C-alpha cells in the first residue's frame, strides 16, 4: 500500500464523518440546522471544519498498520499514540470528534491491513487490533470508562472489542433501506436510528442515566416501528423524537460516531486517486 492509498483511506474516513454531520434531521445531534448551536451546544460549521483536522492522524494510522503488516500489540500502542496527538490537533481546530476518531482510527487501520476487505471483514480485523491493550495509555480513568464501570455498559472499547456490532447493524440497515427504494438520506437516518435503538451510549448514561438511555432507545425504535424515515408516519415520529431530545438537551453522540464508521466501511474498498464522496 502506497502513501497515496493511505491518504485516500484517511480522506474517505473524514468524508464519511462529514456526511454524518451533514445528515438531517438527527435527533439530539449536531446537523446543518445547528448554526445557532441549539441544545447540542456544538456549532455545526465548527464541527465540520475541525473534522478535517483528523486527516493527518488517520493517514498516519493507515501507514502504521501498513508497516506492521498484522494486528500486533505494538500496532495498538502506536495507534494510541497517534490518536492522542490527533486529539490535540482537533482541539486546536475547534474540538469534537473524539468518539469518531476512536471508531474511524481502528477501521482505517483495519482497512490498511486488509485492502480488499469490506463490511464485516474490516470490523473483524479492527476487533483483533482492539483486543490488545495500549500499555502506554494514560492511567487516569476517562468519563466513558468511569460510566462503563458504574453501569456495566460496553462503552467504546467494548464496542471495538466486539467487532463493532453497531457498525455492522448500520450496514445491514443501509442495504435493506436502499433495496426498498429509500432515498440515501433516509437510508442513513434509518441506520443511525438502528444504532441508537440498542447502543449503550456512555455519553447518554452520563447525562441522562439509565432511564434516559432507555427513553432514547425507545424513541429510536418508535421511528423504525412506524415505518422508518421513508414513510410519512416515520417522519412524523422522527420530528417528535428530535423535538423531545432537543428540549431535554440529550445528545446520543456515540451513535453519530458509529454511523460515521459505517459510512466509511460502506465506501470500501477505497481506490487511491479517486475523489472523496461527500454527497
Protein backbone atom coordinates (compact mmCIF):
# COMPACT_ATOMS: atom_id res chain seq x y z
CA UNK A 1 0.00 0.00 0.00
CA UNK A 2 1.44 3.36 -1.05
CA UNK A 3 1.32 6.70 0.73
CA UNK A 4 -1.36 7.75 -1.77
CA UNK A 5 -3.52 4.82 -0.67
CA UNK A 6 -3.03 5.75 3.00
CA UNK A 7 -4.08 9.30 2.16
CA UNK A 8 -7.11 8.00 0.25
CA UNK A 9 -8.25 5.96 3.27
CA UNK A 10 -7.88 8.96 5.59
CA UNK A 11 -9.79 11.24 3.24
CA UNK A 12 -12.54 8.65 2.83
CA UNK A 13 -12.90 8.40 6.61
CA UNK A 14 -13.13 12.18 7.04
CA UNK A 15 -15.63 12.35 4.16
CA UNK A 16 -17.74 9.74 5.97
CA UNK A 17 -17.65 11.83 9.14
CA UNK A 18 -18.70 14.94 7.21
CA UNK A 19 -21.55 13.00 5.55
CA UNK A 20 -22.73 12.08 9.04
CA UNK A 21 -22.51 15.70 10.15
CA UNK A 22 -24.47 16.92 7.11
CA UNK A 23 -27.31 14.44 7.61
CA UNK A 24 -30.53 15.98 8.97
CA UNK A 25 -32.65 15.88 11.00
CA UNK A 26 -30.58 13.88 13.50
CA UNK A 27 -32.33 13.62 16.89
CA UNK A 28 -30.23 15.35 19.54
CA UNK A 29 -27.14 15.52 17.32
CA UNK A 30 -25.43 18.43 15.53
CA UNK A 31 -26.60 18.86 11.95
CA UNK A 32 -26.92 21.72 9.40
CA UNK A 33 -29.78 23.24 11.41
CA UNK A 34 -27.29 23.97 14.21
CA UNK A 35 -25.98 27.30 13.01
CA UNK A 36 -27.17 28.68 16.33
CA UNK A 37 -25.72 25.74 18.30
CA UNK A 38 -29.01 24.65 19.82
CA UNK A 39 -29.24 22.18 22.70
CA UNK A 40 -26.33 20.17 21.27
CA UNK A 41 -24.02 23.01 22.36
CA UNK A 42 -21.77 22.32 19.37
CA UNK A 43 -21.73 24.54 16.31
CA UNK A 44 -22.17 22.52 13.13
CA UNK A 45 -19.83 24.65 10.99
CA UNK A 46 -17.04 24.38 13.55
CA UNK A 47 -17.50 20.61 13.80
CA UNK A 48 -17.32 20.30 10.03
CA UNK A 49 -14.13 22.37 9.96
CA UNK A 50 -12.44 20.50 12.81
CA UNK A 51 -13.28 17.14 11.20
CA UNK A 52 -10.65 17.88 8.57
CA UNK A 53 -8.00 18.02 11.33
CA UNK A 54 -8.37 14.24 11.65
CA UNK A 55 -6.89 13.64 8.20
CA UNK A 56 -3.13 13.62 9.06
CA UNK A 57 -3.66 11.39 12.08
CA UNK A 58 -5.81 8.90 10.19
CA UNK A 59 -3.27 8.81 7.38
CA UNK A 60 -0.53 8.11 9.95
CA UNK A 61 -2.63 5.28 11.39
CA UNK A 62 -3.01 3.72 7.95
CA UNK A 63 0.75 3.98 7.42
CA UNK A 64 1.43 2.41 10.83
CA UNK A 65 -0.82 -0.52 10.01
CA UNK A 66 0.89 -0.98 6.65
CA UNK A 67 4.29 -1.09 8.35
CA UNK A 68 3.11 -3.56 10.98
CA UNK A 69 1.51 -5.85 8.43
CA UNK A 70 -0.63 -7.56 11.08
CA UNK A 71 -2.59 -6.92 14.27
CA UNK A 72 0.27 -6.77 16.78
CA UNK A 73 0.32 -5.29 20.31
CA UNK A 74 2.91 -2.82 19.04
CA UNK A 75 0.49 -1.57 16.38
CA UNK A 76 -2.15 -0.95 19.04
CA UNK A 77 0.35 1.10 21.06
CA UNK A 78 1.36 3.15 18.03
CA UNK A 79 -2.26 3.81 17.07
CA UNK A 80 -2.93 5.02 20.61
CA UNK A 81 -0.02 7.46 20.47
CA UNK A 82 -1.14 8.80 17.10
CA UNK A 83 -4.68 9.12 18.38
CA UNK A 84 -3.67 11.19 21.40
CA UNK A 85 -1.62 13.51 19.21
CA UNK A 86 -4.53 13.84 16.78
CA UNK A 87 -6.93 14.67 19.63
CA UNK A 88 -4.68 17.61 20.49
CA UNK A 89 -4.72 18.83 16.87
CA UNK A 90 -8.50 18.53 16.71
CA UNK A 91 -8.91 20.52 19.93
CA UNK A 92 -6.84 23.31 18.41
CA UNK A 93 -9.10 23.23 15.34
CA UNK A 94 -12.26 23.59 17.39
CA UNK A 95 -12.77 20.29 19.20
CA UNK A 96 -15.17 17.40 18.98
CA UNK A 97 -14.87 14.03 17.24
CA UNK A 98 -13.07 12.08 19.98
CA UNK A 99 -15.50 9.18 19.63
CA UNK A 100 -15.32 9.31 15.84
CA UNK A 101 -11.51 9.28 15.98
CA UNK A 102 -11.57 6.06 18.00
CA UNK A 103 -14.02 4.37 15.61
CA UNK A 104 -12.51 5.64 12.37
CA UNK A 105 -8.92 5.15 13.52
CA UNK A 106 -9.40 1.43 14.16
CA UNK A 107 -11.40 0.94 10.95
CA UNK A 108 -8.87 2.85 8.83
CA UNK A 109 -6.04 0.75 10.29
CA UNK A 110 -8.03 -2.41 9.59
CA UNK A 111 -8.71 -1.33 6.01
CA UNK A 112 -5.00 -0.63 5.52
CA UNK A 113 -4.16 -4.13 6.76
CA UNK A 114 -6.82 -5.73 4.51
CA UNK A 115 -7.06 -3.52 1.39
CA UNK A 116 -9.57 -5.77 -0.38
CA UNK A 117 -11.80 -6.37 2.64
CA UNK A 118 -15.24 -4.84 3.05
CA UNK A 119 -18.00 -4.80 5.65
CA UNK A 120 -17.80 -7.40 8.42
CA UNK A 121 -14.27 -8.43 7.45
CA UNK A 122 -12.95 -4.92 8.18
CA UNK A 123 -14.80 -4.91 11.50
CA UNK A 124 -13.29 -8.31 12.35
CA UNK A 125 -9.77 -7.01 11.72
CA UNK A 126 -10.48 -3.92 13.83
CA UNK A 127 -11.62 -6.28 16.60
CA UNK A 128 -8.22 -8.00 16.55
CA UNK A 129 -6.43 -4.66 16.89
CA UNK A 130 -8.69 -3.52 19.74
CA UNK A 131 -8.15 -6.80 21.59
CA UNK A 132 -4.64 -5.62 22.51
CA UNK A 133 -4.07 -3.25 25.41
CA UNK A 134 -2.48 0.15 24.84
CA UNK A 135 0.17 -0.18 27.55
CA UNK A 136 1.26 3.44 27.13
CA UNK A 137 -2.17 4.99 27.53
CA UNK A 138 -2.61 7.39 30.47
CA UNK A 139 -3.74 5.56 33.59
CA UNK A 140 -6.32 8.14 34.61
CA UNK A 141 -9.91 6.97 34.06
CA UNK A 142 -11.92 8.72 31.36
CA UNK A 143 -15.55 9.76 31.73
CA UNK A 144 -16.57 6.98 29.38
CA UNK A 145 -14.64 4.28 31.25
CA UNK A 146 -16.00 5.50 34.60
CA UNK A 147 -19.58 5.36 33.30
CA UNK A 148 -18.95 1.92 31.76
CA UNK A 149 -17.70 0.62 35.09
CA UNK A 150 -20.62 2.14 37.01
CA UNK A 151 -23.39 0.82 34.77
CA UNK A 152 -21.77 -2.21 33.14
CA UNK A 153 -22.07 -0.69 29.67
CA UNK A 154 -19.76 -1.90 26.91
CA UNK A 155 -18.58 1.59 26.03
CA UNK A 156 -16.33 2.48 23.12
CA UNK A 157 -13.70 -0.12 23.98
CA UNK A 158 -16.28 -2.86 24.37
CA UNK A 159 -17.86 -1.94 21.04
CA UNK A 160 -14.50 -2.25 19.29
CA UNK A 161 -13.54 -5.47 21.05
CA UNK A 162 -16.86 -6.98 19.98
CA UNK A 163 -16.06 -6.19 16.34
CA UNK A 164 -18.23 -3.07 16.06
CA UNK A 165 -21.63 -4.82 16.09
CA UNK A 166 -23.45 -1.49 15.68
CA UNK A 167 -21.41 -0.61 12.60
CA UNK A 168 -22.42 -3.96 11.15
CA UNK A 169 -26.08 -3.39 12.05
CA UNK A 170 -25.96 0.03 10.42
CA UNK A 171 -24.53 -1.51 7.24
CA UNK A 172 -27.36 -4.05 7.15
CA UNK A 173 -29.93 -1.27 7.57
CA UNK A 174 -28.33 0.77 4.78
CA UNK A 175 -28.56 -2.21 2.42
CA UNK A 176 -32.15 -3.01 3.42
CA UNK A 177 -33.39 0.57 3.07
CA UNK A 178 -31.69 1.08 -0.27
CA UNK A 179 -33.14 -2.19 -1.60
CA UNK A 180 -36.59 -0.99 -0.53
CA UNK A 181 -36.16 2.18 -2.61
CA UNK A 182 -35.44 4.66 0.18
CA UNK A 183 -33.52 7.82 -0.64
CA UNK A 184 -29.91 7.82 0.52
CA UNK A 185 -30.58 10.33 3.31
CA UNK A 186 -33.47 8.16 4.54
CA UNK A 187 -31.29 5.03 4.49
CA UNK A 188 -28.63 6.82 6.52
CA UNK A 189 -31.14 8.16 9.05
CA UNK A 190 -32.63 4.68 9.47
CA UNK A 191 -29.11 3.32 10.01
CA UNK A 192 -28.49 5.98 12.68
CA UNK A 193 -31.75 5.11 14.43
CA UNK A 194 -30.89 1.41 14.29
CA UNK A 195 -27.67 2.14 16.18
CA UNK A 196 -29.43 4.47 18.61
CA UNK A 197 -32.13 1.90 19.38
CA UNK A 198 -29.73 -0.54 21.08
CA UNK A 199 -26.42 1.23 21.76
CA UNK A 200 -25.43 1.61 25.43
CA UNK A 201 -24.23 5.16 24.85
CA UNK A 202 -21.97 6.17 27.75
CA UNK A 203 -22.49 9.88 26.98
CA UNK A 204 -26.21 9.43 27.46
CA UNK A 205 -25.69 7.37 30.59
CA UNK A 206 -23.57 10.20 31.99
CA UNK A 207 -26.03 12.98 31.19
CA UNK A 208 -29.38 11.19 31.48
CA UNK A 209 -28.79 7.98 33.44
CA UNK A 210 -30.22 4.52 32.63
CA UNK A 211 -33.80 5.79 32.39
CA UNK A 212 -32.75 8.47 29.91
CA UNK A 213 -30.83 5.93 27.84
CA UNK A 214 -33.85 3.65 27.66
CA UNK A 215 -36.03 6.63 26.73
CA UNK A 216 -33.77 7.43 23.78
CA UNK A 217 -33.57 3.79 22.68
CA UNK A 218 -37.36 3.53 22.78
CA UNK A 219 -37.74 6.75 20.78
CA UNK A 220 -35.44 5.46 18.05
CA UNK A 221 -37.29 2.15 17.93
CA UNK A 222 -40.56 4.05 17.67
CA UNK A 223 -39.45 5.76 14.46
CA UNK A 224 -38.34 2.47 12.92
CA UNK A 225 -41.53 0.67 14.01
CA UNK A 226 -43.58 3.47 12.43
CA UNK A 227 -42.04 2.51 9.10
CA UNK A 228 -38.75 4.37 9.12
CA UNK A 229 -37.93 7.78 7.73
CA UNK A 230 -39.07 6.88 4.20
CA UNK A 231 -42.70 6.85 5.42
CA UNK A 232 -44.97 9.72 6.47
CA UNK A 233 -45.63 8.12 9.86
CA UNK A 234 -41.93 7.53 10.40
CA UNK A 235 -41.05 11.12 9.53
CA UNK A 236 -43.66 12.40 11.97
CA UNK A 237 -42.25 10.14 14.70
CA UNK A 238 -38.73 11.35 13.89
CA UNK A 239 -39.78 15.01 14.18
CA UNK A 240 -41.39 14.38 17.57
CA UNK A 241 -38.35 12.42 18.77
CA UNK A 242 -35.98 15.18 17.65
CA UNK A 243 -38.05 17.86 19.40
CA UNK A 244 -38.08 15.78 22.58
CA UNK A 245 -34.29 15.29 22.67
CA UNK A 246 -33.60 18.94 21.90
CA UNK A 247 -35.89 20.01 24.76
CA UNK A 248 -34.15 17.63 27.15
CA UNK A 249 -30.65 18.55 25.95
CA UNK A 250 -29.72 14.89 25.44
CA UNK A 251 -27.19 14.12 22.70
CA UNK A 252 -26.54 10.48 21.68
CA UNK A 253 -23.08 11.25 20.28
CA UNK A 254 -21.91 7.64 20.29
CA UNK A 255 -24.50 6.76 17.67
CA UNK A 256 -23.23 9.54 15.37
CA UNK A 257 -19.64 8.28 15.62
CA UNK A 258 -20.67 4.73 14.78
CA UNK A 259 -22.75 5.89 11.81
CA UNK A 260 -19.63 7.68 10.51
CA UNK A 261 -17.76 4.38 10.86
CA UNK A 262 -20.47 2.55 8.96
CA UNK A 263 -20.45 5.11 6.14
CA UNK A 264 -16.67 4.72 5.87
CA UNK A 265 -16.85 0.93 5.70
CA UNK A 266 -19.75 1.20 3.24
CA UNK A 267 -17.46 3.15 0.87
CA UNK A 268 -14.74 0.46 0.83
CA UNK A 269 -12.66 -0.50 -1.00
CA UNK A 270 -11.11 2.93 -1.47
CA UNK A 271 -9.08 3.47 -4.64
CA UNK A 272 -6.15 5.87 -4.49
CA UNK A 273 -6.66 8.90 -6.70
CA UNK A 274 -10.45 8.71 -6.70
CA UNK A 275 -12.25 11.80 -5.37
CA UNK A 276 -13.75 11.52 -1.89
CA UNK A 277 -17.52 11.25 -1.94
CA UNK A 278 -19.14 14.00 0.12
CA UNK A 279 -22.74 13.60 -1.01
